[in-house]
PDB file of N, CA and C in Angstrom:
ATOM      1  N   MET A   1       0.865  -1.173  -0.013  1.00  0.00           N
ATOM      2  CA  MET A   1      -0.003  -0.015   0.010  1.00  0.00           C
ATOM      3  C   MET A   1       0.893   1.248   0.004  1.00  0.00           C
ATOM      4  N   ALA A   2       0.650   2.181  -0.867  1.00  0.00           N
ATOM      5  CA  ALA A   2       1.421   3.388  -0.951  1.00  0.00           C
ATOM      6  C   ALA A   2       1.169   4.298   0.262  1.00  0.00           C
ATOM      7  N   ILE A   3       2.180   5.100   0.609  1.00  0.00           N
ATOM      8  CA  ILE A   3       2.065   6.008   1.752  1.00  0.00           C
ATOM      9  C   ILE A   3       0.804   6.838   1.669  1.00  0.00           C
ATOM     10  N   ASN A   4       0.499   7.366   0.484  1.00  0.00           N
ATOM     11  CA  ASN A   4      -0.638   8.245   0.316  1.00  0.00           C
ATOM     12  C   ASN A   4      -1.979   7.543   0.558  1.00  0.00           C
ATOM     13  N   GLN A   5      -1.967   6.198   0.631  1.00  0.00           N
ATOM     14  CA  GLN A   5      -3.199   5.458   0.825  1.00  0.00           C
ATOM     15  C   GLN A   5      -3.434   5.113   2.302  1.00  0.00           C
ATOM     16  N   HIS A   6      -2.405   5.252   3.118  1.00  0.00           N
ATOM     17  CA  HIS A   6      -2.589   5.017   4.567  1.00  0.00           C
ATOM     18  C   HIS A   6      -3.418   6.139   5.132  1.00  0.00           C
ATOM     19  N   ILE A   7      -4.218   5.822   6.121  1.00  0.00           N
ATOM     20  CA  ILE A   7      -5.107   6.840   6.703  1.00  0.00           C
ATOM     21  C   ILE A   7      -4.536   7.384   8.006  1.00  0.00           C
ATOM     22  N   ILE A   8      -4.951   8.572   8.321  1.00  0.00           N
ATOM     23  CA  ILE A   8      -4.521   9.257   9.543  1.00  0.00           C
ATOM     24  C   ILE A   8      -5.313   8.677  10.727  1.00  0.00           C
ATOM     25  N   ILE A   9      -4.583   8.260  11.734  1.00  0.00           N
ATOM     26  CA  ILE A   9      -5.236   7.684  12.919  1.00  0.00           C
ATOM     27  C   ILE A   9      -5.102   8.599  14.140  1.00  0.00           C
ATOM     28  N   LYS A  10      -4.152   9.557  14.067  1.00  0.00           N
ATOM     29  CA  LYS A  10      -3.949  10.463  15.191  1.00  0.00           C
ATOM     30  C   LYS A  10      -3.476  11.808  14.620  1.00  0.00           C
ATOM     31  N   CYS A  11      -3.901  12.887  15.267  1.00  0.00           N
ATOM     32  CA  CYS A  11      -3.533  14.226  14.820  1.00  0.00           C
ATOM     33  C   CYS A  11      -3.255  15.108  16.031  1.00  0.00           C
ATOM     34  N   GLU A  12      -2.219  15.926  15.925  1.00  0.00           N
ATOM     35  CA  GLU A  12      -1.894  16.904  16.960  1.00  0.00           C
ATOM     36  C   GLU A  12      -1.733  18.277  16.301  1.00  0.00           C
ATOM     37  N   ILE A  13      -2.299  19.271  16.914  1.00  0.00           N
ATOM     38  CA  ILE A  13      -2.179  20.640  16.436  1.00  0.00           C
ATOM     39  C   ILE A  13      -1.602  21.498  17.542  1.00  0.00           C
ATOM     40  N   GLY A  14      -0.566  22.250  17.217  1.00  0.00           N
ATOM     41  CA  GLY A  14       0.032  23.124  18.230  1.00  0.00           C
ATOM     42  C   GLY A  14       1.390  23.601  17.785  1.00  0.00           C
ATOM     43  N   PRO A  15       2.099  24.336  18.519  1.00  0.00           N
ATOM     44  CA  PRO A  15       1.692  24.927  19.801  1.00  0.00           C
ATOM     45  C   PRO A  15       0.669  26.049  19.568  1.00  0.00           C
ATOM     46  N   PHE A  16      -0.192  26.269  20.515  1.00  0.00           N
ATOM     47  CA  PHE A  16      -1.189  27.298  20.373  1.00  0.00           C
ATOM     48  C   PHE A  16      -0.584  28.658  20.687  1.00  0.00           C
ATOM     49  N   GLN A  17      -0.914  29.623  19.873  1.00  0.00           N
ATOM     50  CA  GLN A  17      -0.376  30.960  20.039  1.00  0.00           C
ATOM     51  C   GLN A  17      -1.092  31.712  21.145  1.00  0.00           C
ATOM     52  N   ARG A  18      -0.357  32.624  21.738  1.00  0.00           N
ATOM     53  CA  ARG A  18      -0.965  33.515  22.738  1.00  0.00           C
ATOM     54  C   ARG A  18      -1.753  34.575  21.992  1.00  0.00           C
ATOM     55  N   PRO A  19      -2.724  35.189  22.639  1.00  0.00           N
ATOM     56  CA  PRO A  19      -3.501  36.246  21.977  1.00  0.00           C
ATOM     57  C   PRO A  19      -2.605  37.411  21.541  1.00  0.00           C
ATOM     58  N   THR A  20      -2.993  38.048  20.482  1.00  0.00           N
ATOM     59  CA  THR A  20      -2.284  39.238  19.995  1.00  0.00           C
ATOM     60  C   THR A  20      -2.502  40.360  21.005  1.00  0.00           C
ATOM     61  N   PRO A  21      -1.561  41.180  21.305  1.00  0.00           N
ATOM     62  CA  PRO A  21      -0.265  41.351  20.654  1.00  0.00           C
ATOM     63  C   PRO A  21       0.835  40.476  21.230  1.00  0.00           C
ATOM     64  N   LEU A  22       0.628  39.810  22.358  1.00  0.00           N
ATOM     65  CA  LEU A  22       1.672  38.989  22.987  1.00  0.00           C
ATOM     66  C   LEU A  22       2.177  37.889  22.057  1.00  0.00           C
ATOM     67  N   GLY A  23       1.265  37.265  21.303  1.00  0.00           N
ATOM     68  CA  GLY A  23       1.626  36.132  20.480  1.00  0.00           C
ATOM     69  C   GLY A  23       2.053  36.470  19.064  1.00  0.00           C
ATOM     70  N   ILE A  24       2.271  37.731  18.779  1.00  0.00           N
ATOM     71  CA  ILE A  24       2.552  38.165  17.418  1.00  0.00           C
ATOM     72  C   ILE A  24       3.792  37.472  16.836  1.00  0.00           C
ATOM     73  N   PHE A  25       4.760  37.117  17.663  1.00  0.00           N
ATOM     74  CA  PHE A  25       5.960  36.484  17.170  1.00  0.00           C
ATOM     75  C   PHE A  25       6.050  34.991  17.539  1.00  0.00           C
ATOM     76  N   ASP A  26       4.983  34.455  18.076  1.00  0.00           N
ATOM     77  CA  ASP A  26       4.952  33.022  18.398  1.00  0.00           C
ATOM     78  C   ASP A  26       5.002  32.216  17.094  1.00  0.00           C
ATOM     79  N   PRO A  27       5.517  30.974  17.155  1.00  0.00           N
ATOM     80  CA  PRO A  27       5.552  30.145  15.936  1.00  0.00           C
ATOM     81  C   PRO A  27       4.142  29.823  15.461  1.00  0.00           C
ATOM     82  N   ARG A  28       4.042  29.556  14.162  1.00  0.00           N
ATOM     83  CA  ARG A  28       2.747  29.173  13.615  1.00  0.00           C
ATOM     84  C   ARG A  28       2.353  27.818  14.154  1.00  0.00           C
ATOM     85  N   GLN A  29       1.065  27.534  14.130  1.00  0.00           N
ATOM     86  CA  GLN A  29       0.585  26.237  14.569  1.00  0.00           C
ATOM     87  C   GLN A  29       0.923  25.182  13.530  1.00  0.00           C
ATOM     88  N   LYS A  30       1.241  23.981  13.983  1.00  0.00           N
ATOM     89  CA  LYS A  30       1.669  22.904  13.094  1.00  0.00           C
ATOM     90  C   LYS A  30       0.699  21.737  13.239  1.00  0.00           C
ATOM     91  N   VAL A  31       0.382  21.093  12.111  1.00  0.00           N
ATOM     92  CA  VAL A  31      -0.435  19.894  12.109  1.00  0.00           C
ATOM     93  C   VAL A  31       0.488  18.710  11.908  1.00  0.00           C
ATOM     94  N   THR A  32       0.523  17.835  12.913  1.00  0.00           N
ATOM     95  CA  THR A  32       1.356  16.620  12.850  1.00  0.00           C
ATOM     96  C   THR A  32       0.408  15.414  12.949  1.00  0.00           C
ATOM     97  N   VAL A  33       0.613  14.439  12.061  1.00  0.00           N
ATOM     98  CA  VAL A  33      -0.287  13.286  12.041  1.00  0.00           C
ATOM     99  C   VAL A  33       0.492  11.983  12.134  1.00  0.00           C
ATOM    100  N   GLU A  34      -0.228  10.949  12.571  1.00  0.00           N
ATOM    101  CA  GLU A  34       0.294   9.588  12.568  1.00  0.00           C
ATOM    102  C   GLU A  34      -0.601   8.767  11.652  1.00  0.00           C
ATOM    103  N   LEU A  35       0.054   8.001  10.760  1.00  0.00           N
ATOM    104  CA  LEU A  35      -0.673   7.174   9.796  1.00  0.00           C
ATOM    105  C   LEU A  35      -0.918   5.776  10.314  1.00  0.00           C
ATOM    106  N   SER A  36      -1.781   5.054   9.639  1.00  0.00           N
ATOM    107  CA  SER A  36      -2.128   3.701  10.041  1.00  0.00           C
ATOM    108  C   SER A  36      -0.945   2.755   9.959  1.00  0.00           C
ATOM    109  N   ASN A  37       0.123   3.132   9.270  1.00  0.00           N
ATOM    110  CA  ASN A  37       1.326   2.279   9.205  1.00  0.00           C
ATOM    111  C   ASN A  37       2.345   2.668  10.281  1.00  0.00           C
ATOM    112  N   GLY A  38       1.967   3.617  11.182  1.00  0.00           N
ATOM    113  CA  GLY A  38       2.821   4.016  12.278  1.00  0.00           C
ATOM    114  C   GLY A  38       3.735   5.197  12.000  1.00  0.00           C
ATOM    115  N   GLU A  39       3.819   5.641  10.762  1.00  0.00           N
ATOM    116  CA  GLU A  39       4.683   6.768  10.419  1.00  0.00           C
ATOM    117  C   GLU A  39       4.045   8.092  10.833  1.00  0.00           C
ATOM    118  N   ARG A  40       4.920   9.057  11.216  1.00  0.00           N
ATOM    119  CA  ARG A  40       4.431  10.384  11.612  1.00  0.00           C
ATOM    120  C   ARG A  40       4.915  11.398  10.577  1.00  0.00           C
ATOM    121  N   TYR A  41       4.059  12.397  10.322  1.00  0.00           N
ATOM    122  CA  TYR A  41       4.374  13.441   9.350  1.00  0.00           C
ATOM    123  C   TYR A  41       3.957  14.790   9.883  1.00  0.00           C
ATOM    124  N   SER A  42       4.784  15.775   9.619  1.00  0.00           N
ATOM    125  CA  SER A  42       4.392  17.160   9.848  1.00  0.00           C
ATOM    126  C   SER A  42       3.764  17.621   8.551  1.00  0.00           C
ATOM    127  N   LEU A  43       2.447  17.810   8.537  1.00  0.00           N
ATOM    128  CA  LEU A  43       1.747  18.132   7.294  1.00  0.00           C
ATOM    129  C   LEU A  43       1.955  19.555   6.822  1.00  0.00           C
ATOM    130  N   PHE A  44       1.695  20.512   7.711  1.00  0.00           N
ATOM    131  CA  PHE A  44       1.818  21.927   7.347  1.00  0.00           C
ATOM    132  C   PHE A  44       1.710  22.771   8.582  1.00  0.00           C
ATOM    133  N   GLU A  45       2.033  24.069   8.390  1.00  0.00           N
ATOM    134  CA  GLU A  45       1.850  25.076   9.445  1.00  0.00           C
ATOM    135  C   GLU A  45       0.827  26.065   8.935  1.00  0.00           C
ATOM    136  N   PHE A  46       0.161  26.753   9.880  1.00  0.00           N
ATOM    137  CA  PHE A  46      -0.849  27.715   9.469  1.00  0.00           C
ATOM    138  C   PHE A  46      -0.994  28.830  10.492  1.00  0.00           C
ATOM    139  N   TYR A  47      -1.582  29.934  10.051  1.00  0.00           N
ATOM    140  CA  TYR A  47      -1.888  31.059  10.927  1.00  0.00           C
ATOM    141  C   TYR A  47      -3.306  30.910  11.429  1.00  0.00           C
ATOM    142  N   PRO A  48      -3.495  30.760  12.733  1.00  0.00           N
ATOM    143  CA  PRO A  48      -4.840  30.495  13.272  1.00  0.00           C
ATOM    144  C   PRO A  48      -5.797  31.692  13.135  1.00  0.00           C
ATOM    145  N   ASP A  49      -5.284  32.861  12.809  1.00  0.00           N
ATOM    146  CA  ASP A  49      -6.209  33.981  12.595  1.00  0.00           C
ATOM    147  C   ASP A  49      -6.768  33.978  11.175  1.00  0.00           C
ATOM    148  N   GLU A  50      -6.238  33.090  10.327  1.00  0.00           N
ATOM    149  CA  GLU A  50      -6.731  32.995   8.965  1.00  0.00           C
ATOM    150  C   GLU A  50      -7.627  31.763   8.746  1.00  0.00           C
ATOM    151  N   VAL A  51      -7.180  30.627   9.228  1.00  0.00           N
ATOM    152  CA  VAL A  51      -7.947  29.373   9.125  1.00  0.00           C
ATOM    153  C   VAL A  51      -7.876  28.639  10.443  1.00  0.00           C
ATOM    154  N   SER A  52      -8.798  27.752  10.671  1.00  0.00           N
ATOM    155  CA  SER A  52      -8.748  26.937  11.881  1.00  0.00           C
ATOM    156  C   SER A  52      -9.025  25.484  11.538  1.00  0.00           C
ATOM    157  N   PHE A  53      -8.477  24.623  12.369  1.00  0.00           N
ATOM    158  CA  PHE A  53      -8.604  23.186  12.172  1.00  0.00           C
ATOM    159  C   PHE A  53      -8.906  22.535  13.504  1.00  0.00           C
ATOM    160  N   ASN A  54      -9.601  21.414  13.448  1.00  0.00           N
ATOM    161  CA  ASN A  54      -9.873  20.593  14.593  1.00  0.00           C
ATOM    162  C   ASN A  54      -9.199  19.272  14.337  1.00  0.00           C
ATOM    163  N   GLU A  55      -8.563  18.710  15.336  1.00  0.00           N
ATOM    164  CA  GLU A  55      -7.830  17.444  15.161  1.00  0.00           C
ATOM    165  C   GLU A  55      -8.702  16.346  14.578  1.00  0.00           C
ATOM    166  N   SER A  56      -9.960  16.315  14.959  1.00  0.00           N
ATOM    167  CA  SER A  56     -10.858  15.256  14.484  1.00  0.00           C
ATOM    168  C   SER A  56     -11.126  15.346  12.981  1.00  0.00           C
ATOM    169  N   GLU A  57     -10.942  16.530  12.368  1.00  0.00           N
ATOM    170  CA  GLU A  57     -11.141  16.673  10.937  1.00  0.00           C
ATOM    171  C   GLU A  57     -10.215  15.794  10.097  1.00  0.00           C
ATOM    172  N   PHE A  58      -9.063  15.451  10.658  1.00  0.00           N
ATOM    173  CA  PHE A  58      -8.040  14.727   9.905  1.00  0.00           C
ATOM    174  C   PHE A  58      -8.151  13.208  10.074  1.00  0.00           C
ATOM    175  N   ILE A  59      -8.782  12.750  11.116  1.00  0.00           N
ATOM    176  CA  ILE A  59      -8.874  11.313  11.384  1.00  0.00           C
ATOM    177  C   ILE A  59      -9.648  10.634  10.240  1.00  0.00           C
ATOM    178  N   GLY A  60      -9.020   9.571   9.673  1.00  0.00           N
ATOM    179  CA  GLY A  60      -9.636   8.825   8.590  1.00  0.00           C
ATOM    180  C   GLY A  60      -9.279   9.317   7.187  1.00  0.00           C
ATOM    181  N   LEU A  61      -8.571  10.468   7.109  1.00  0.00           N
ATOM    182  CA  LEU A  61      -8.186  10.987   5.806  1.00  0.00           C
ATOM    183  C   LEU A  61      -6.818  10.451   5.407  1.00  0.00           C
ATOM    184  N   THR A  62      -6.518  10.455   4.115  1.00  0.00           N
ATOM    185  CA  THR A  62      -5.180  10.166   3.617  1.00  0.00           C
ATOM    186  C   THR A  62      -4.383  11.470   3.684  1.00  0.00           C
ATOM    187  N   LEU A  63      -3.088  11.400   3.432  1.00  0.00           N
ATOM    188  CA  LEU A  63      -2.260  12.613   3.417  1.00  0.00           C
ATOM    189  C   LEU A  63      -2.730  13.566   2.338  1.00  0.00           C
ATOM    190  N   ASP A  64      -3.047  13.033   1.168  1.00  0.00           N
ATOM    191  CA  ASP A  64      -3.530  13.865   0.071  1.00  0.00           C
ATOM    192  C   ASP A  64      -4.831  14.570   0.431  1.00  0.00           C
ATOM    193  N   GLU A  65      -5.736  13.829   1.061  1.00  0.00           N
ATOM    194  CA  GLU A  65      -7.031  14.417   1.452  1.00  0.00           C
ATOM    195  C   GLU A  65      -6.835  15.493   2.526  1.00  0.00           C
ATOM    196  N   ALA A  66      -5.908  15.286   3.447  1.00  0.00           N
ATOM    197  CA  ALA A  66      -5.638  16.276   4.496  1.00  0.00           C
ATOM    198  C   ALA A  66      -5.061  17.552   3.900  1.00  0.00           C
ATOM    199  N   ARG A  67      -4.148  17.399   2.946  1.00  0.00           N
ATOM    200  CA  ARG A  67      -3.582  18.590   2.282  1.00  0.00           C
ATOM    201  C   ARG A  67      -4.653  19.307   1.470  1.00  0.00           C
ATOM    202  N   ARG A  68      -5.557  18.564   0.880  1.00  0.00           N
ATOM    203  CA  ARG A  68      -6.664  19.155   0.119  1.00  0.00           C
ATOM    204  C   ARG A  68      -7.562  19.972   1.054  1.00  0.00           C
ATOM    205  N   LEU A  69      -7.785  19.469   2.254  1.00  0.00           N
ATOM    206  CA  LEU A  69      -8.607  20.181   3.241  1.00  0.00           C
ATOM    207  C   LEU A  69      -7.990  21.536   3.535  1.00  0.00           C
ATOM    208  N   LYS A  70      -6.671  21.575   3.744  1.00  0.00           N
ATOM    209  CA  LYS A  70      -6.005  22.866   3.978  1.00  0.00           C
ATOM    210  C   LYS A  70      -6.146  23.784   2.767  1.00  0.00           C
ATOM    211  N   PHE A  71      -5.958  23.251   1.602  1.00  0.00           N
ATOM    212  CA  PHE A  71      -6.068  24.024   0.356  1.00  0.00           C
ATOM    213  C   PHE A  71      -7.453  24.653   0.262  1.00  0.00           C
ATOM    214  N   GLU A  72      -8.481  23.861   0.514  1.00  0.00           N
ATOM    215  CA  GLU A  72      -9.864  24.355   0.401  1.00  0.00           C
ATOM    216  C   GLU A  72     -10.140  25.447   1.439  1.00  0.00           C
ATOM    217  N   LYS A  73      -9.617  25.273   2.673  1.00  0.00           N
ATOM    218  CA  LYS A  73      -9.829  26.304   3.689  1.00  0.00           C
ATOM    219  C   LYS A  73      -9.070  27.577   3.339  1.00  0.00           C
ATOM    220  N   ASP A  74      -7.876  27.436   2.783  1.00  0.00           N
ATOM    221  CA  ASP A  74      -7.111  28.625   2.353  1.00  0.00           C
ATOM    222  C   ASP A  74      -7.881  29.371   1.283  1.00  0.00           C
ATOM    223  N   ILE A  75      -8.415  28.667   0.304  1.00  0.00           N
ATOM    224  CA  ILE A  75      -9.177  29.305  -0.769  1.00  0.00           C
ATOM    225  C   ILE A  75     -10.395  30.026  -0.196  1.00  0.00           C
ATOM    226  N   LYS A  76     -11.110  29.370   0.696  1.00  0.00           N
ATOM    227  CA  LYS A  76     -12.283  29.979   1.297  1.00  0.00           C
ATOM    228  C   LYS A  76     -11.910  31.260   2.047  1.00  0.00           C
ATOM    229  N   TYR A  77     -10.803  31.223   2.776  1.00  0.00           N
ATOM    230  CA  TYR A  77     -10.338  32.418   3.506  1.00  0.00           C
ATOM    231  C   TYR A  77      -9.984  33.536   2.535  1.00  0.00           C
ATOM    232  N   LEU A  78      -9.235  33.208   1.477  1.00  0.00           N
ATOM    233  CA  LEU A  78      -8.797  34.219   0.517  1.00  0.00           C
ATOM    234  C   LEU A  78      -9.966  34.853  -0.238  1.00  0.00           C
ATOM    235  N   GLN A  79     -11.052  34.113  -0.374  1.00  0.00           N
ATOM    236  CA  GLN A  79     -12.231  34.625  -1.084  1.00  0.00           C
ATOM    237  C   GLN A  79     -13.213  35.307  -0.119  1.00  0.00           C
ATOM    238  N   SER A  80     -12.912  35.321   1.153  1.00  0.00           N
ATOM    239  CA  SER A  80     -13.847  35.875   2.140  1.00  0.00           C
ATOM    240  C   SER A  80     -13.842  37.393   2.120  1.00  0.00           C
ATOM    241  N   GLU A  81     -14.903  37.959   2.622  1.00  0.00           N
ATOM    242  CA  GLU A  81     -15.024  39.408   2.722  1.00  0.00           C
ATOM    243  C   GLU A  81     -13.919  39.979   3.608  1.00  0.00           C
ATOM    244  N   LYS A  82     -13.452  39.211   4.568  1.00  0.00           N
ATOM    245  CA  LYS A  82     -12.417  39.653   5.481  1.00  0.00           C
ATOM    246  C   LYS A  82     -11.134  40.034   4.713  1.00  0.00           C
ATOM    247  N   VAL A  83     -10.803  39.254   3.716  1.00  0.00           N
ATOM    248  CA  VAL A  83      -9.585  39.504   2.926  1.00  0.00           C
ATOM    249  C   VAL A  83      -9.890  40.514   1.822  1.00  0.00           C
ATOM    250  N   ILE A  84     -11.001  40.365   1.137  1.00  0.00           N
ATOM    251  CA  ILE A  84     -11.338  41.220   0.020  1.00  0.00           C
ATOM    252  C   ILE A  84     -11.458  42.670   0.469  1.00  0.00           C
ATOM    253  N   SER A  85     -12.009  42.893   1.660  1.00  0.00           N
ATOM    254  CA  SER A  85     -12.221  44.265   2.125  1.00  0.00           C
ATOM    255  C   SER A  85     -10.906  44.992   2.465  1.00  0.00           C
ATOM    256  N   ARG A  86      -9.811  44.251   2.611  1.00  0.00           N
ATOM    257  CA  ARG A  86      -8.510  44.861   2.856  1.00  0.00           C
ATOM    258  C   ARG A  86      -8.015  45.615   1.634  1.00  0.00           C
ATOM    259  N   TYR A  87      -8.465  45.223   0.459  1.00  0.00           N
ATOM    260  CA  TYR A  87      -7.962  45.792  -0.785  1.00  0.00           C
ATOM    261  C   TYR A  87      -8.994  46.657  -1.348  1.00  0.00           C
TER     262      TYR A  87
END
């Protein structure tokens, strides 16, 4: 079975940032997952003021599906009034 076909059985998100302005220079949050074959991967980092994730969203997904979830949330954020009104 290819790596991309193994499913995510565990997910960790963190470290959590402190509220702004204290957390302005804190590291971005990271999504780390464990696959059904026991391997661990750091999937991506994100800014929690732009998108949010829940650990349970990743359980049962493949790596490709998890990356697609981030992509879709990024697109939704970029198309939101919150971003459009800045320009």
